[in-house]
Amino acid sequence: MRVLGIESSCDETGVAIYDDEKGLISHVLHTQIAMHAEYGGVVPELASRDHIKRVVPLVRAALDKVNLELKDIDAVAYTAGPGLIGALLAGAMEAGALAYGLGIPCVPVHHMEGHLLAPMLEEDKPQYPFVALLISGGHTLLIKVEKPGKYELIGQSVDDAAGEAFDKTAKLLGIPYPGGPGLEKLAENGKSGVFNFPRPMIKNPNCDFSFAGLKTAVLNATLEHKDDLDSVKADIAKGFTEAMAETLEIKCKRALKQCHLKTLVVAGGVSANKDIRNRLQKLMDSIHGKAFFARREFCTDNGAMIAQVGMLRFKAGQLGDGRIKVYPRWPLSSLKAL
């Protein structure tokens, strides 16, 4: 069986095909970074229009890569949420039209479940149960994963998500959109210890996060050095990245201990950051555990993760109620276990 997956929740249009015997066999992606860079961030209306423009050609490209036709597809999966409502609708309408025209099921997929299970696309897969850290532009979550669909929220951000803190810090330092990769590159030239930014909420006994204070500390540092900012930018970037990585490490260690587990899955766009990966890898080495990361191309939004989860839910018969719906806000806790 083959499932075609469509991702359109924000600023990437992704299409992929997942085979239940061969795994991922095709994936293509169009990013809107160049279009949004002019505005310093994602413009929802422009994002929606671009998804409409790109999704049909991408579906054809994904099929052509593996010499398949639409008749060879058994189900269509789409990102139903969370995300930008216009962007979600663009992918959902294409998925619904394809499914209706072909007379096959249409499977709604939770965007964060796609990220959560993205490491399962690799040959070296984690075994259940495990703790998952999801870090992206809109979410910072710690989740205990018993099996697909059975998720227990352990901790979350009470204000800014990790990705938001990265983007806002990058903007303060004059790094163009998207800020994360540029901030990572700048931090490589910075010196440790020059700026010791706060590690928010690490003394709290829970596993929740707060990055608003860290963002404010960076703002204050840029204001204090407004006359010589260029000379300290790299050190500020380094200090910010170290504070973020150490905070995530402390909270992950606490969640693993609380759940009595030694397997950590790290996913979402921010998980591509090398400092964060290295810090969390060292944590797992120190406790004789194992860390699993999605490859960088599957950290950001992509159709492969949607096609994979779509296959799982298709085979489990979880096809929604037959109507095409999108959910700009959609809690993971509402998902059915597989």
C-alpha atoms as a PDB file:
ATOM      1  CA  MET A   1       0.000   0.000   0.000  1.00  0.00           C
ATOM      2  CA  ARG A   2       1.098   3.573  -0.645  1.00  0.00           C
ATOM      3  CA  VAL A   3       0.072   6.799   1.050  1.00  0.00           C
ATOM      4  CA  LEU A   4       0.612  10.245  -0.445  1.00  0.00           C
ATOM      5  CA  GLY A   5       1.301  12.851   2.246  1.00  0.00           C
ATOM      6  CA  ILE A   6       0.779  16.618   1.913  1.00  0.00           C
ATOM      7  CA  GLU A   7       2.245  19.144   4.365  1.00  0.00           C
ATOM      8  CA  SER A   8       1.205  22.817   4.215  1.00  0.00           C
ATOM      9  CA  SER A   9       0.927  24.079   7.795  1.00  0.00           C
ATOM     10  CA  CYS A  10       3.185  27.129   7.501  1.00  0.00           C
ATOM     11  CA  ASP A  11       5.897  28.111   5.025  1.00  0.00           C
ATOM     12  CA  GLU A  12       6.908  24.829   3.383  1.00  0.00           C
ATOM     13  CA  THR A  13       4.913  22.797   0.894  1.00  0.00           C
ATOM     14  CA  GLY A  14       5.924  19.154   1.163  1.00  0.00           C
ATOM     15  CA  VAL A  15       4.685  16.072  -0.680  1.00  0.00           C
ATOM     16  CA  ALA A  16       5.875  12.517  -0.111  1.00  0.00           C
ATOM     17  CA  ILE A  17       4.928   8.907  -0.791  1.00  0.00           C
ATOM     18  CA  TYR A  18       5.238   6.216   1.886  1.00  0.00           C
ATOM     19  CA  ASP A  19       5.102   2.511   1.024  1.00  0.00           C
ATOM     20  CA  ASP A  20       4.138   0.119   3.842  1.00  0.00           C
ATOM     21  CA  GLU A  21       6.809  -2.363   2.719  1.00  0.00           C
ATOM     22  CA  LYS A  22       9.596  -0.120   1.391  1.00  0.00           C
ATOM     23  CA  GLY A  23       9.129   2.878   3.667  1.00  0.00           C
ATOM     24  CA  LEU A  24       9.643   6.389   2.309  1.00  0.00           C
ATOM     25  CA  ILE A  25      10.079   6.155  -1.470  1.00  0.00           C
ATOM     26  CA  SER A  26       9.670   9.773  -2.605  1.00  0.00           C
ATOM     27  CA  HIS A  27       9.620  13.258  -1.115  1.00  0.00           C
ATOM     28  CA  VAL A  28       9.795  16.761  -2.566  1.00  0.00           C
ATOM     29  CA  LEU A  29       9.708  20.141  -0.867  1.00  0.00           C
ATOM     30  CA  HIS A  30       9.287  23.789  -1.743  1.00  0.00           C
ATOM     31  CA  THR A  31      10.296  26.356   0.867  1.00  0.00           C
ATOM     32  CA  GLN A  32       8.937  29.894   0.983  1.00  0.00           C
ATOM     33  CA  ILE A  33      11.946  31.332   2.826  1.00  0.00           C
ATOM     34  CA  ALA A  34      13.009  33.638  -0.004  1.00  0.00           C
ATOM     35  CA  MET A  35       9.496  35.041  -0.342  1.00  0.00           C
ATOM     36  CA  HIS A  36       9.024  35.767   3.366  1.00  0.00           C
ATOM     37  CA  ALA A  37      12.574  37.037   3.954  1.00  0.00           C
ATOM     38  CA  GLU A  38      11.617  40.418   2.507  1.00  0.00           C
ATOM     39  CA  TYR A  39       9.126  40.852   5.358  1.00  0.00           C
ATOM     40  CA  GLY A  40      11.254  39.424   8.154  1.00  0.00           C
ATOM     41  CA  GLY A  41       8.834  36.587   8.891  1.00  0.00           C
ATOM     42  CA  VAL A  42       5.953  34.520   7.568  1.00  0.00           C
ATOM     43  CA  VAL A  43       3.070  36.447   5.994  1.00  0.00           C
ATOM     44  CA  PRO A  44       0.056  34.085   6.298  1.00  0.00           C
ATOM     45  CA  GLU A  45      -1.814  35.330   3.204  1.00  0.00           C
ATOM     46  CA  LEU A  46       1.265  34.987   0.997  1.00  0.00           C
ATOM     47  CA  ALA A  47       1.975  31.553   2.460  1.00  0.00           C
ATOM     48  CA  SER A  48      -1.542  30.332   1.660  1.00  0.00           C
ATOM     49  CA  ARG A  49      -1.423  31.589  -1.921  1.00  0.00           C
ATOM     50  CA  ASP A  50       1.949  29.967  -2.521  1.00  0.00           C
ATOM     51  CA  HIS A  51       0.765  26.599  -1.191  1.00  0.00           C
ATOM     52  CA  ILE A  52      -2.128  26.698  -3.669  1.00  0.00           C
ATOM     53  CA  LYS A  53       0.320  27.443  -6.473  1.00  0.00           C
ATOM     54  CA  ARG A  54       2.852  24.758  -5.543  1.00  0.00           C
ATOM     55  CA  VAL A  55       0.963  21.737  -4.257  1.00  0.00           C
ATOM     56  CA  VAL A  56      -0.308  20.270  -7.552  1.00  0.00           C
ATOM     57  CA  PRO A  57       3.094  20.418  -9.326  1.00  0.00           C
ATOM     58  CA  LEU A  58       4.735  18.912  -6.246  1.00  0.00           C
ATOM     59  CA  VAL A  59       2.287  16.007  -6.214  1.00  0.00           C
ATOM     60  CA  ARG A  60       3.195  15.303  -9.834  1.00  0.00           C
ATOM     61  CA  ALA A  61       6.921  15.633  -9.080  1.00  0.00           C
ATOM     62  CA  ALA A  62       6.694  13.177  -6.161  1.00  0.00           C
ATOM     63  CA  LEU A  63       4.934  10.624  -8.371  1.00  0.00           C
ATOM     64  CA  ASP A  64       7.333  11.131 -11.284  1.00  0.00           C
ATOM     65  CA  LYS A  65      10.385  10.514  -9.057  1.00  0.00           C
ATOM     66  CA  VAL A  66       9.305   6.897  -8.609  1.00  0.00           C
ATOM     67  CA  ASN A  67       7.418   6.391 -11.894  1.00  0.00           C
ATOM     68  CA  LEU A  68       4.002   6.138 -10.254  1.00  0.00           C
ATOM     69  CA  GLU A  69       0.570   7.399 -11.261  1.00  0.00           C
ATOM     70  CA  LEU A  70      -2.266   8.632  -9.080  1.00  0.00           C
ATOM     71  CA  LYS A  71      -4.004   5.274  -9.545  1.00  0.00           C
ATOM     72  CA  ASP A  72      -1.103   3.677  -7.625  1.00  0.00           C
ATOM     73  CA  ILE A  73      -1.956   5.612  -4.445  1.00  0.00           C
ATOM     74  CA  ASP A  74      -4.171   3.928  -1.806  1.00  0.00           C
ATOM     75  CA  ALA A  75      -4.801   6.919   0.495  1.00  0.00           C
ATOM     76  CA  VAL A  76      -4.010  10.618   0.815  1.00  0.00           C
ATOM     77  CA  ALA A  77      -2.839  12.095   4.129  1.00  0.00           C
ATOM     78  CA  TYR A  78      -2.747  15.801   4.902  1.00  0.00           C
ATOM     79  CA  THR A  79      -1.717  18.059   7.753  1.00  0.00           C
ATOM     80  CA  ALA A  80      -4.979  18.994   9.462  1.00  0.00           C
ATOM     81  CA  GLY A  81      -3.346  21.111  12.190  1.00  0.00           C
ATOM     82  CA  PRO A  82      -2.076  22.854  14.117  1.00  0.00           C
ATOM     83  CA  GLY A  83      -0.912  25.638  11.804  1.00  0.00           C
ATOM     84  CA  LEU A  84      -1.988  28.696   9.822  1.00  0.00           C
ATOM     85  CA  ILE A  85      -5.623  28.192   8.825  1.00  0.00           C
ATOM     86  CA  GLY A  86      -5.238  29.386   5.228  1.00  0.00           C
ATOM     87  CA  ALA A  87      -2.117  27.313   4.695  1.00  0.00           C
ATOM     88  CA  LEU A  88      -3.754  24.228   6.203  1.00  0.00           C
ATOM     89  CA  LEU A  89      -6.797  24.660   3.954  1.00  0.00           C
ATOM     90  CA  ALA A  90      -4.618  24.777   0.831  1.00  0.00           C
ATOM     91  CA  GLY A  91      -3.206  21.314   1.515  1.00  0.00           C
ATOM     92  CA  ALA A  92      -6.462  19.914   2.884  1.00  0.00           C
ATOM     93  CA  MET A  93      -8.466  20.909  -0.188  1.00  0.00           C
ATOM     94  CA  GLU A  94      -5.932  19.314  -2.534  1.00  0.00           C
ATOM     95  CA  ALA A  95      -5.897  16.144  -0.440  1.00  0.00           C
ATOM     96  CA  GLY A  96      -9.690  16.045  -0.336  1.00  0.00           C
ATOM     97  CA  ALA A  97     -10.027  16.595  -4.076  1.00  0.00           C
ATOM     98  CA  LEU A  98      -7.506  13.855  -4.857  1.00  0.00           C
ATOM     99  CA  ALA A  99      -9.132  11.390  -2.481  1.00  0.00           C
ATOM    100  CA  TYR A 100     -12.628  12.113  -3.794  1.00  0.00           C
ATOM    101  CA  GLY A 101     -11.564  11.886  -7.420  1.00  0.00           C
ATOM    102  CA  LEU A 102      -9.694   8.625  -6.880  1.00  0.00           C
ATOM    103  CA  GLY A 103     -12.280   7.121  -4.538  1.00  0.00           C
ATOM    104  CA  ILE A 104      -9.721   6.495  -1.785  1.00  0.00           C
ATOM    105  CA  PRO A 105      -9.552   7.470   1.915  1.00  0.00           C
ATOM    106  CA  CYS A 106      -8.357  10.881   3.091  1.00  0.00           C
ATOM    107  CA  VAL A 107      -6.433  10.802   6.389  1.00  0.00           C
ATOM    108  CA  PRO A 108      -6.053  13.868   8.669  1.00  0.00           C
ATOM    109  CA  VAL A 109      -2.645  14.001  10.391  1.00  0.00           C
ATOM    110  CA  HIS A 110      -1.539  15.995  13.431  1.00  0.00           C
ATOM    111  CA  HIS A 111       1.450  18.134  12.485  1.00  0.00           C
ATOM    112  CA  MET A 112       3.234  17.595  15.802  1.00  0.00           C
ATOM    113  CA  GLU A 113       2.705  13.831  15.642  1.00  0.00           C
ATOM    114  CA  GLY A 114       4.473  13.996  12.298  1.00  0.00           C
ATOM    115  CA  HIS A 115       7.470  15.688  13.925  1.00  0.00           C
ATOM    116  CA  LEU A 116       7.290  13.384  16.928  1.00  0.00           C
ATOM    117  CA  LEU A 117       7.643  10.244  14.805  1.00  0.00           C
ATOM    118  CA  ALA A 118      10.013  11.693  12.177  1.00  0.00           C
ATOM    119  CA  PRO A 119      13.015   9.782  13.651  1.00  0.00           C
ATOM    120  CA  MET A 120      11.118   6.604  12.719  1.00  0.00           C
ATOM    121  CA  LEU A 121      11.999   7.432   9.098  1.00  0.00           C
ATOM    122  CA  GLU A 122      15.620   6.516   9.877  1.00  0.00           C
ATOM    123  CA  GLU A 123      17.081   3.012   9.800  1.00  0.00           C
ATOM    124  CA  ASP A 124      18.067   3.271  13.464  1.00  0.00           C
ATOM    125  CA  LYS A 125      14.667   3.699  15.117  1.00  0.00           C
ATOM    126  CA  PRO A 126      13.901   4.286  18.795  1.00  0.00           C
ATOM    127  CA  GLN A 127      11.996   1.638  20.722  1.00  0.00           C
ATOM    128  CA  TYR A 128       8.865   2.491  22.681  1.00  0.00           C
ATOM    129  CA  PRO A 129       8.400   3.876  25.261  1.00  0.00           C
ATOM    130  CA  PHE A 130      10.516   7.035  25.124  1.00  0.00           C
ATOM    131  CA  VAL A 131      10.566  10.704  26.074  1.00  0.00           C
ATOM    132  CA  ALA A 132      10.249  13.134  23.183  1.00  0.00           C
ATOM    133  CA  LEU A 133      11.373  16.754  23.083  1.00  0.00           C
ATOM    134  CA  LEU A 134       9.556  18.711  20.369  1.00  0.00           C
ATOM    135  CA  ILE A 135      11.147  22.098  19.734  1.00  0.00           C
ATOM    136  CA  SER A 136       9.867  24.281  16.928  1.00  0.00           C
ATOM    137  CA  GLY A 137       8.771  27.806  16.143  1.00  0.00           C
ATOM    138  CA  GLY A 138       5.413  27.359  17.816  1.00  0.00           C
ATOM    139  CA  HIS A 139       5.941  24.534  20.306  1.00  0.00           C
ATOM    140  CA  THR A 140       8.263  23.380  23.074  1.00  0.00           C
ATOM    141  CA  LEU A 141       6.929  20.105  24.466  1.00  0.00           C
ATOM    142  CA  LEU A 142       8.177  17.193  26.539  1.00  0.00           C
ATOM    143  CA  ILE A 143       6.062  14.115  25.950  1.00  0.00           C
ATOM    144  CA  LYS A 144       6.103  10.553  27.233  1.00  0.00           C
ATOM    145  CA  VAL A 145       5.386   8.304  24.248  1.00  0.00           C
ATOM    146  CA  GLU A 146       4.074   4.855  25.126  1.00  0.00           C
ATOM    147  CA  LYS A 147       3.218   4.069  21.497  1.00  0.00           C
ATOM    148  CA  PRO A 148       1.885   5.989  18.485  1.00  0.00           C
ATOM    149  CA  GLY A 149      -1.172   7.914  19.605  1.00  0.00           C
ATOM    150  CA  LYS A 150      -0.648   7.343  23.317  1.00  0.00           C
ATOM    151  CA  TYR A 151       1.012  10.541  24.514  1.00  0.00           C
ATOM    152  CA  GLU A 152       1.370  12.042  27.967  1.00  0.00           C
ATOM    153  CA  LEU A 153       2.347  15.711  28.186  1.00  0.00           C
ATOM    154  CA  ILE A 154       5.193  16.099  30.693  1.00  0.00           C
ATOM    155  CA  GLY A 155       6.110  19.743  30.144  1.00  0.00           C
ATOM    156  CA  GLN A 156       5.563  22.697  27.820  1.00  0.00           C
ATOM    157  CA  SER A 157       6.470  26.341  27.377  1.00  0.00           C
ATOM    158  CA  VAL A 158       4.367  28.762  29.415  1.00  0.00           C
ATOM    159  CA  ASP A 159       5.230  31.632  27.062  1.00  0.00           C
ATOM    160  CA  ASP A 160       7.582  31.818  24.046  1.00  0.00           C
ATOM    161  CA  ALA A 161       8.479  28.576  22.320  1.00  0.00           C
ATOM    162  CA  ALA A 162      12.161  27.792  21.758  1.00  0.00           C
ATOM    163  CA  GLY A 163      11.893  28.636  18.065  1.00  0.00           C
ATOM    164  CA  GLU A 164      10.289  31.992  18.841  1.00  0.00           C
ATOM    165  CA  ALA A 165      13.161  32.833  21.185  1.00  0.00           C
ATOM    166  CA  PHE A 166      15.643  31.945  18.438  1.00  0.00           C
ATOM    167  CA  ASP A 167      13.835  34.083  15.875  1.00  0.00           C
ATOM    168  CA  LYS A 168      13.500  37.097  18.172  1.00  0.00           C
ATOM    169  CA  THR A 169      17.121  36.890  19.296  1.00  0.00           C
ATOM    170  CA  ALA A 170      18.254  36.674  15.679  1.00  0.00           C
ATOM    171  CA  LYS A 171      16.196  39.748  14.844  1.00  0.00           C
ATOM    172  CA  LEU A 172      17.766  41.690  17.714  1.00  0.00           C
ATOM    173  CA  LEU A 173      21.199  40.803  16.318  1.00  0.00           C
ATOM    174  CA  GLY A 174      20.273  41.854  12.798  1.00  0.00           C
ATOM    175  CA  ILE A 175      20.209  38.341  11.367  1.00  0.00           C
ATOM    176  CA  PRO A 176      17.761  38.057   8.446  1.00  0.00           C
ATOM    177  CA  TYR A 177      14.868  35.599   8.371  1.00  0.00           C
ATOM    178  CA  PRO A 178      14.996  32.694   8.978  1.00  0.00           C
ATOM    179  CA  GLY A 179      17.005  33.486  12.086  1.00  0.00           C
ATOM    180  CA  GLY A 180      17.849  30.045  13.439  1.00  0.00           C
ATOM    181  CA  PRO A 181      20.533  28.935  10.945  1.00  0.00           C
ATOM    182  CA  GLY A 182      22.133  32.390  10.911  1.00  0.00           C
ATOM    183  CA  LEU A 183      22.212  32.536  14.705  1.00  0.00           C
ATOM    184  CA  GLU A 184      23.824  29.093  14.861  1.00  0.00           C
ATOM    185  CA  LYS A 185      26.522  30.156  12.401  1.00  0.00           C
ATOM    186  CA  LEU A 186      27.186  33.395  14.288  1.00  0.00           C
ATOM    187  CA  ALA A 187      27.469  31.540  17.610  1.00  0.00           C
ATOM    188  CA  GLU A 188      30.238  29.355  16.173  1.00  0.00           C
ATOM    189  CA  ASN A 189      32.505  32.416  16.266  1.00  0.00           C
ATOM    190  CA  GLY A 190      31.488  33.487  19.776  1.00  0.00           C
ATOM    191  CA  LYS A 191      33.276  32.960  23.079  1.00  0.00           C
ATOM    192  CA  SER A 192      31.721  31.038  25.946  1.00  0.00           C
ATOM    193  CA  GLY A 193      31.143  32.798  29.250  1.00  0.00           C
ATOM    194  CA  VAL A 194      31.211  36.372  27.983  1.00  0.00           C
ATOM    195  CA  PHE A 195      27.432  36.574  28.379  1.00  0.00           C
ATOM    196  CA  ASN A 196      25.875  34.372  31.047  1.00  0.00           C
ATOM    197  CA  PHE A 197      22.192  34.539  30.262  1.00  0.00           C
ATOM    198  CA  PRO A 198      19.569  33.038  32.629  1.00  0.00           C
ATOM    199  CA  ARG A 199      18.510  29.406  32.445  1.00  0.00           C
ATOM    200  CA  PRO A 200      14.766  29.965  33.003  1.00  0.00           C
ATOM    201  CA  MET A 201      12.738  27.825  35.425  1.00  0.00           C
ATOM    202  CA  ILE A 202      15.491  25.273  36.008  1.00  0.00           C
ATOM    203  CA  LYS A 203      14.916  25.449  39.777  1.00  0.00           C
ATOM    204  CA  ASN A 204      11.228  24.682  39.378  1.00  0.00           C
ATOM    205  CA  PRO A 205      10.552  20.988  40.060  1.00  0.00           C
ATOM    206  CA  ASN A 206       8.366  20.601  36.961  1.00  0.00           C
ATOM    207  CA  CYS A 207       9.352  20.097  33.326  1.00  0.00           C
ATOM    208  CA  ASP A 208       7.822  23.294  31.942  1.00  0.00           C
ATOM    209  CA  PHE A 209       9.769  25.918  30.002  1.00  0.00           C
ATOM    210  CA  SER A 210       9.829  29.711  29.845  1.00  0.00           C
ATOM    211  CA  PHE A 211      11.941  31.600  27.331  1.00  0.00           C
ATOM    212  CA  ALA A 212      10.488  35.105  27.594  1.00  0.00           C
ATOM    213  CA  GLY A 213      13.033  36.048  30.279  1.00  0.00           C
ATOM    214  CA  LEU A 214      15.911  34.732  28.201  1.00  0.00           C
ATOM    215  CA  LYS A 215      14.710  36.783  25.255  1.00  0.00           C
ATOM    216  CA  THR A 216      14.505  39.875  27.496  1.00  0.00           C
ATOM    217  CA  ALA A 217      18.030  39.280  28.785  1.00  0.00           C
ATOM    218  CA  VAL A 218      19.301  39.254  25.192  1.00  0.00           C
ATOM    219  CA  LEU A 219      17.390  42.475  24.498  1.00  0.00           C
ATOM    220  CA  ASN A 220      19.019  44.146  27.500  1.00  0.00           C
ATOM    221  CA  ALA A 221      22.462  42.984  26.358  1.00  0.00           C
ATOM    222  CA  THR A 222      21.955  44.451  22.891  1.00  0.00           C
ATOM    223  CA  LEU A 223      20.805  47.757  24.379  1.00  0.00           C
ATOM    224  CA  GLU A 224      23.800  47.898  26.737  1.00  0.00           C
ATOM    225  CA  HIS A 225      26.137  47.323  23.788  1.00  0.00           C
ATOM    226  CA  LYS A 226      24.296  49.365  21.170  1.00  0.00           C
ATOM    227  CA  ASP A 227      27.463  51.391  20.461  1.00  0.00           C
ATOM    228  CA  ASP A 228      29.680  48.340  19.932  1.00  0.00           C
ATOM    229  CA  LEU A 229      27.137  45.656  19.076  1.00  0.00           C
ATOM    230  CA  ASP A 230      29.005  44.344  16.040  1.00  0.00           C
ATOM    231  CA  SER A 231      31.984  43.436  18.219  1.00  0.00           C
ATOM    232  CA  VAL A 232      29.919  41.357  20.665  1.00  0.00           C
ATOM    233  CA  LYS A 233      27.217  39.882  18.434  1.00  0.00           C
ATOM    234  CA  ALA A 234      28.904  36.502  18.192  1.00  0.00           C
ATOM    235  CA  ASP A 235      29.405  36.340  21.969  1.00  0.00           C
ATOM    236  CA  ILE A 236      25.732  37.193  22.571  1.00  0.00           C
ATOM    237  CA  ALA A 237      24.697  34.485  20.107  1.00  0.00           C
ATOM    238  CA  LYS A 238      26.968  32.005  21.860  1.00  0.00           C
ATOM    239  CA  GLY A 239      25.631  32.940  25.272  1.00  0.00           C
ATOM    240  CA  PHE A 240      22.037  32.616  24.101  1.00  0.00           C
ATOM    241  CA  THR A 241      22.606  29.226  22.445  1.00  0.00           C
ATOM    242  CA  GLU A 242      24.387  27.875  25.525  1.00  0.00           C
ATOM    243  CA  ALA A 243      21.572  29.044  27.805  1.00  0.00           C
ATOM    244  CA  MET A 244      18.947  27.472  25.568  1.00  0.00           C
ATOM    245  CA  ALA A 245      20.830  24.181  25.213  1.00  0.00           C
ATOM    246  CA  GLU A 246      21.534  23.861  28.943  1.00  0.00           C
ATOM    247  CA  THR A 247      17.917  24.640  29.837  1.00  0.00           C
ATOM    248  CA  LEU A 248      16.663  21.964  27.443  1.00  0.00           C
ATOM    249  CA  GLU A 249      19.229  19.512  28.817  1.00  0.00           C
ATOM    250  CA  ILE A 250      18.153  20.058  32.433  1.00  0.00           C
ATOM    251  CA  LYS A 251      14.475  19.671  31.632  1.00  0.00           C
ATOM    252  CA  CYS A 252      15.051  16.564  29.501  1.00  0.00           C
ATOM    253  CA  LYS A 253      17.109  14.962  32.260  1.00  0.00           C
ATOM    254  CA  ARG A 254      14.304  15.666  34.723  1.00  0.00           C
ATOM    255  CA  ALA A 255      11.651  14.217  32.381  1.00  0.00           C
ATOM    256  CA  LEU A 256      13.674  11.065  31.727  1.00  0.00           C
ATOM    257  CA  LYS A 257      14.160  10.520  35.466  1.00  0.00           C
ATOM    258  CA  GLN A 258      10.489  11.159  36.143  1.00  0.00           C
ATOM    259  CA  CYS A 259       9.458   8.629  33.497  1.00  0.00           C
ATOM    260  CA  HIS A 260      12.190   6.103  34.397  1.00  0.00           C
ATOM    261  CA  LEU A 261      13.372   6.022  30.786  1.00  0.00           C
ATOM    262  CA  LYS A 262      16.707   6.296  28.996  1.00  0.00           C
ATOM    263  CA  THR A 263      15.590   6.946  25.434  1.00  0.00           C
ATOM    264  CA  LEU A 264      15.186  10.498  24.168  1.00  0.00           C
ATOM    265  CA  VAL A 265      13.741  11.517  20.793  1.00  0.00           C
ATOM    266  CA  VAL A 266      14.435  15.103  19.698  1.00  0.00           C
ATOM    267  CA  ALA A 267      12.424  16.555  16.826  1.00  0.00           C
ATOM    268  CA  GLY A 268      11.140  19.803  15.330  1.00  0.00           C
ATOM    269  CA  GLY A 269      12.911  22.601  13.483  1.00  0.00           C
ATOM    270  CA  VAL A 270      15.063  23.761  16.411  1.00  0.00           C
ATOM    271  CA  SER A 271      16.430  20.221  16.822  1.00  0.00           C
ATOM    272  CA  ALA A 272      18.629  20.897  13.780  1.00  0.00           C
ATOM    273  CA  ASN A 273      20.795  23.201  15.926  1.00  0.00           C
ATOM    274  CA  LYS A 274      24.229  21.605  16.421  1.00  0.00           C
ATOM    275  CA  ASP A 275      24.828  22.988  19.939  1.00  0.00           C
ATOM    276  CA  ILE A 276      21.496  21.595  21.142  1.00  0.00           C
ATOM    277  CA  ARG A 277      22.131  18.229  19.490  1.00  0.00           C
ATOM    278  CA  ASN A 278      25.598  17.955  20.981  1.00  0.00           C
ATOM    279  CA  ARG A 279      24.402  18.917  24.452  1.00  0.00           C
ATOM    280  CA  LEU A 280      21.564  16.397  24.445  1.00  0.00           C
ATOM    281  CA  GLN A 281      23.770  13.678  22.965  1.00  0.00           C
ATOM    282  CA  LYS A 282      26.262  14.193  25.802  1.00  0.00           C
ATOM    283  CA  LEU A 283      23.427  14.027  28.324  1.00  0.00           C
ATOM    284  CA  MET A 284      22.305  10.652  27.020  1.00  0.00           C
ATOM    285  CA  ASP A 285      25.873   9.356  26.912  1.00  0.00           C
ATOM    286  CA  SER A 286      26.354  10.385  30.553  1.00  0.00           C
ATOM    287  CA  ILE A 287      23.348   8.347  31.714  1.00  0.00           C
ATOM    288  CA  HIS A 288      24.119   5.428  29.361  1.00  0.00           C
ATOM    289  CA  GLY A 289      20.994   6.152  27.359  1.00  0.00           C
ATOM    290  CA  LYS A 290      20.393   6.863  23.695  1.00  0.00           C
ATOM    291  CA  ALA A 291      19.309   9.957  21.772  1.00  0.00           C
ATOM    292  CA  PHE A 292      17.517   9.853  18.431  1.00  0.00           C
ATOM    293  CA  PHE A 293      17.329  12.779  16.021  1.00  0.00           C
ATOM    294  CA  ALA A 294      15.610  13.164  12.685  1.00  0.00           C
ATOM    295  CA  ARG A 295      17.971  13.995   9.837  1.00  0.00           C
ATOM    296  CA  ARG A 296      18.150  17.756   9.259  1.00  0.00           C
ATOM    297  CA  GLU A 297      15.908  17.743   6.186  1.00  0.00           C
ATOM    298  CA  PHE A 298      13.180  16.098   8.268  1.00  0.00           C
ATOM    299  CA  CYS A 299      13.549  18.451  11.247  1.00  0.00           C
ATOM    300  CA  THR A 300      11.723  21.244   9.454  1.00  0.00           C
ATOM    301  CA  ASP A 301       8.237  20.781   7.983  1.00  0.00           C
ATOM    302  CA  ASN A 302       8.071  18.088   5.301  1.00  0.00           C
ATOM    303  CA  GLY A 303       5.695  15.721   3.576  1.00  0.00           C
ATOM    304  CA  ALA A 304       7.629  12.591   4.577  1.00  0.00           C
ATOM    305  CA  MET A 305       6.581  12.764   8.220  1.00  0.00           C
ATOM    306  CA  ILE A 306       2.938  13.314   7.200  1.00  0.00           C
ATOM    307  CA  ALA A 307       2.950  10.382   4.775  1.00  0.00           C
ATOM    308  CA  GLN A 308       4.463   8.107   7.436  1.00  0.00           C
ATOM    309  CA  VAL A 309       1.913   8.969  10.116  1.00  0.00           C
ATOM    310  CA  GLY A 310      -0.809   8.869   7.470  1.00  0.00           C
ATOM    311  CA  MET A 311       0.140   5.269   6.720  1.00  0.00           C
ATOM    312  CA  LEU A 312      -0.040   4.345  10.414  1.00  0.00           C
ATOM    313  CA  ARG A 313      -3.493   5.848  10.833  1.00  0.00           C
ATOM    314  CA  PHE A 314      -4.721   4.528   7.479  1.00  0.00           C
ATOM    315  CA  LYS A 315      -3.767   0.963   8.394  1.00  0.00           C
ATOM    316  CA  ALA A 316      -5.433   1.432  11.794  1.00  0.00           C
ATOM    317  CA  GLY A 317      -8.639   2.578  10.094  1.00  0.00           C
ATOM    318  CA  GLN A 318      -8.495   6.040  11.674  1.00  0.00           C
ATOM    319  CA  LEU A 319      -9.761   8.114   8.772  1.00  0.00           C
ATOM    320  CA  GLY A 320     -11.647  10.868  10.566  1.00  0.00           C
ATOM    321  CA  ASP A 321     -15.373  11.294   9.898  1.00  0.00           C
ATOM    322  CA  GLY A 322     -15.042  11.528   6.134  1.00  0.00           C
ATOM    323  CA  ARG A 323     -15.215  15.332   6.027  1.00  0.00           C
ATOM    324  CA  ILE A 324     -12.202  17.524   5.265  1.00  0.00           C
ATOM    325  CA  LYS A 325     -11.395  19.588   8.355  1.00  0.00           C
ATOM    326  CA  VAL A 326      -8.510  21.688   9.629  1.00  0.00           C
ATOM    327  CA  TYR A 327      -7.650  22.514  13.221  1.00  0.00           C
ATOM    328  CA  PRO A 328      -5.453  25.617  13.736  1.00  0.00           C
ATOM    329  CA  ARG A 329      -5.207  24.479  17.382  1.00  0.00           C
ATOM    330  CA  TRP A 330      -5.270  20.730  17.947  1.00  0.00           C
ATOM    331  CA  PRO A 331      -4.050  19.113  21.202  1.00  0.00           C
ATOM    332  CA  LEU A 332      -2.046  15.921  20.891  1.00  0.00           C
ATOM    333  CA  SER A 333      -4.066  14.489  23.764  1.00  0.00           C
ATOM    334  CA  SER A 334      -7.113  14.250  21.479  1.00  0.00           C
ATOM    335  CA  LEU A 335      -5.470  11.637  19.229  1.00  0.00           C
ATOM    336  CA  LYS A 336      -6.507   8.002  19.375  1.00  0.00           C
ATOM    337  CA  ALA A 337      -3.910   5.374  20.206  1.00  0.00           C
ATOM    338  CA  LEU A 338      -2.864   3.036  17.403  1.00  0.00           C
END
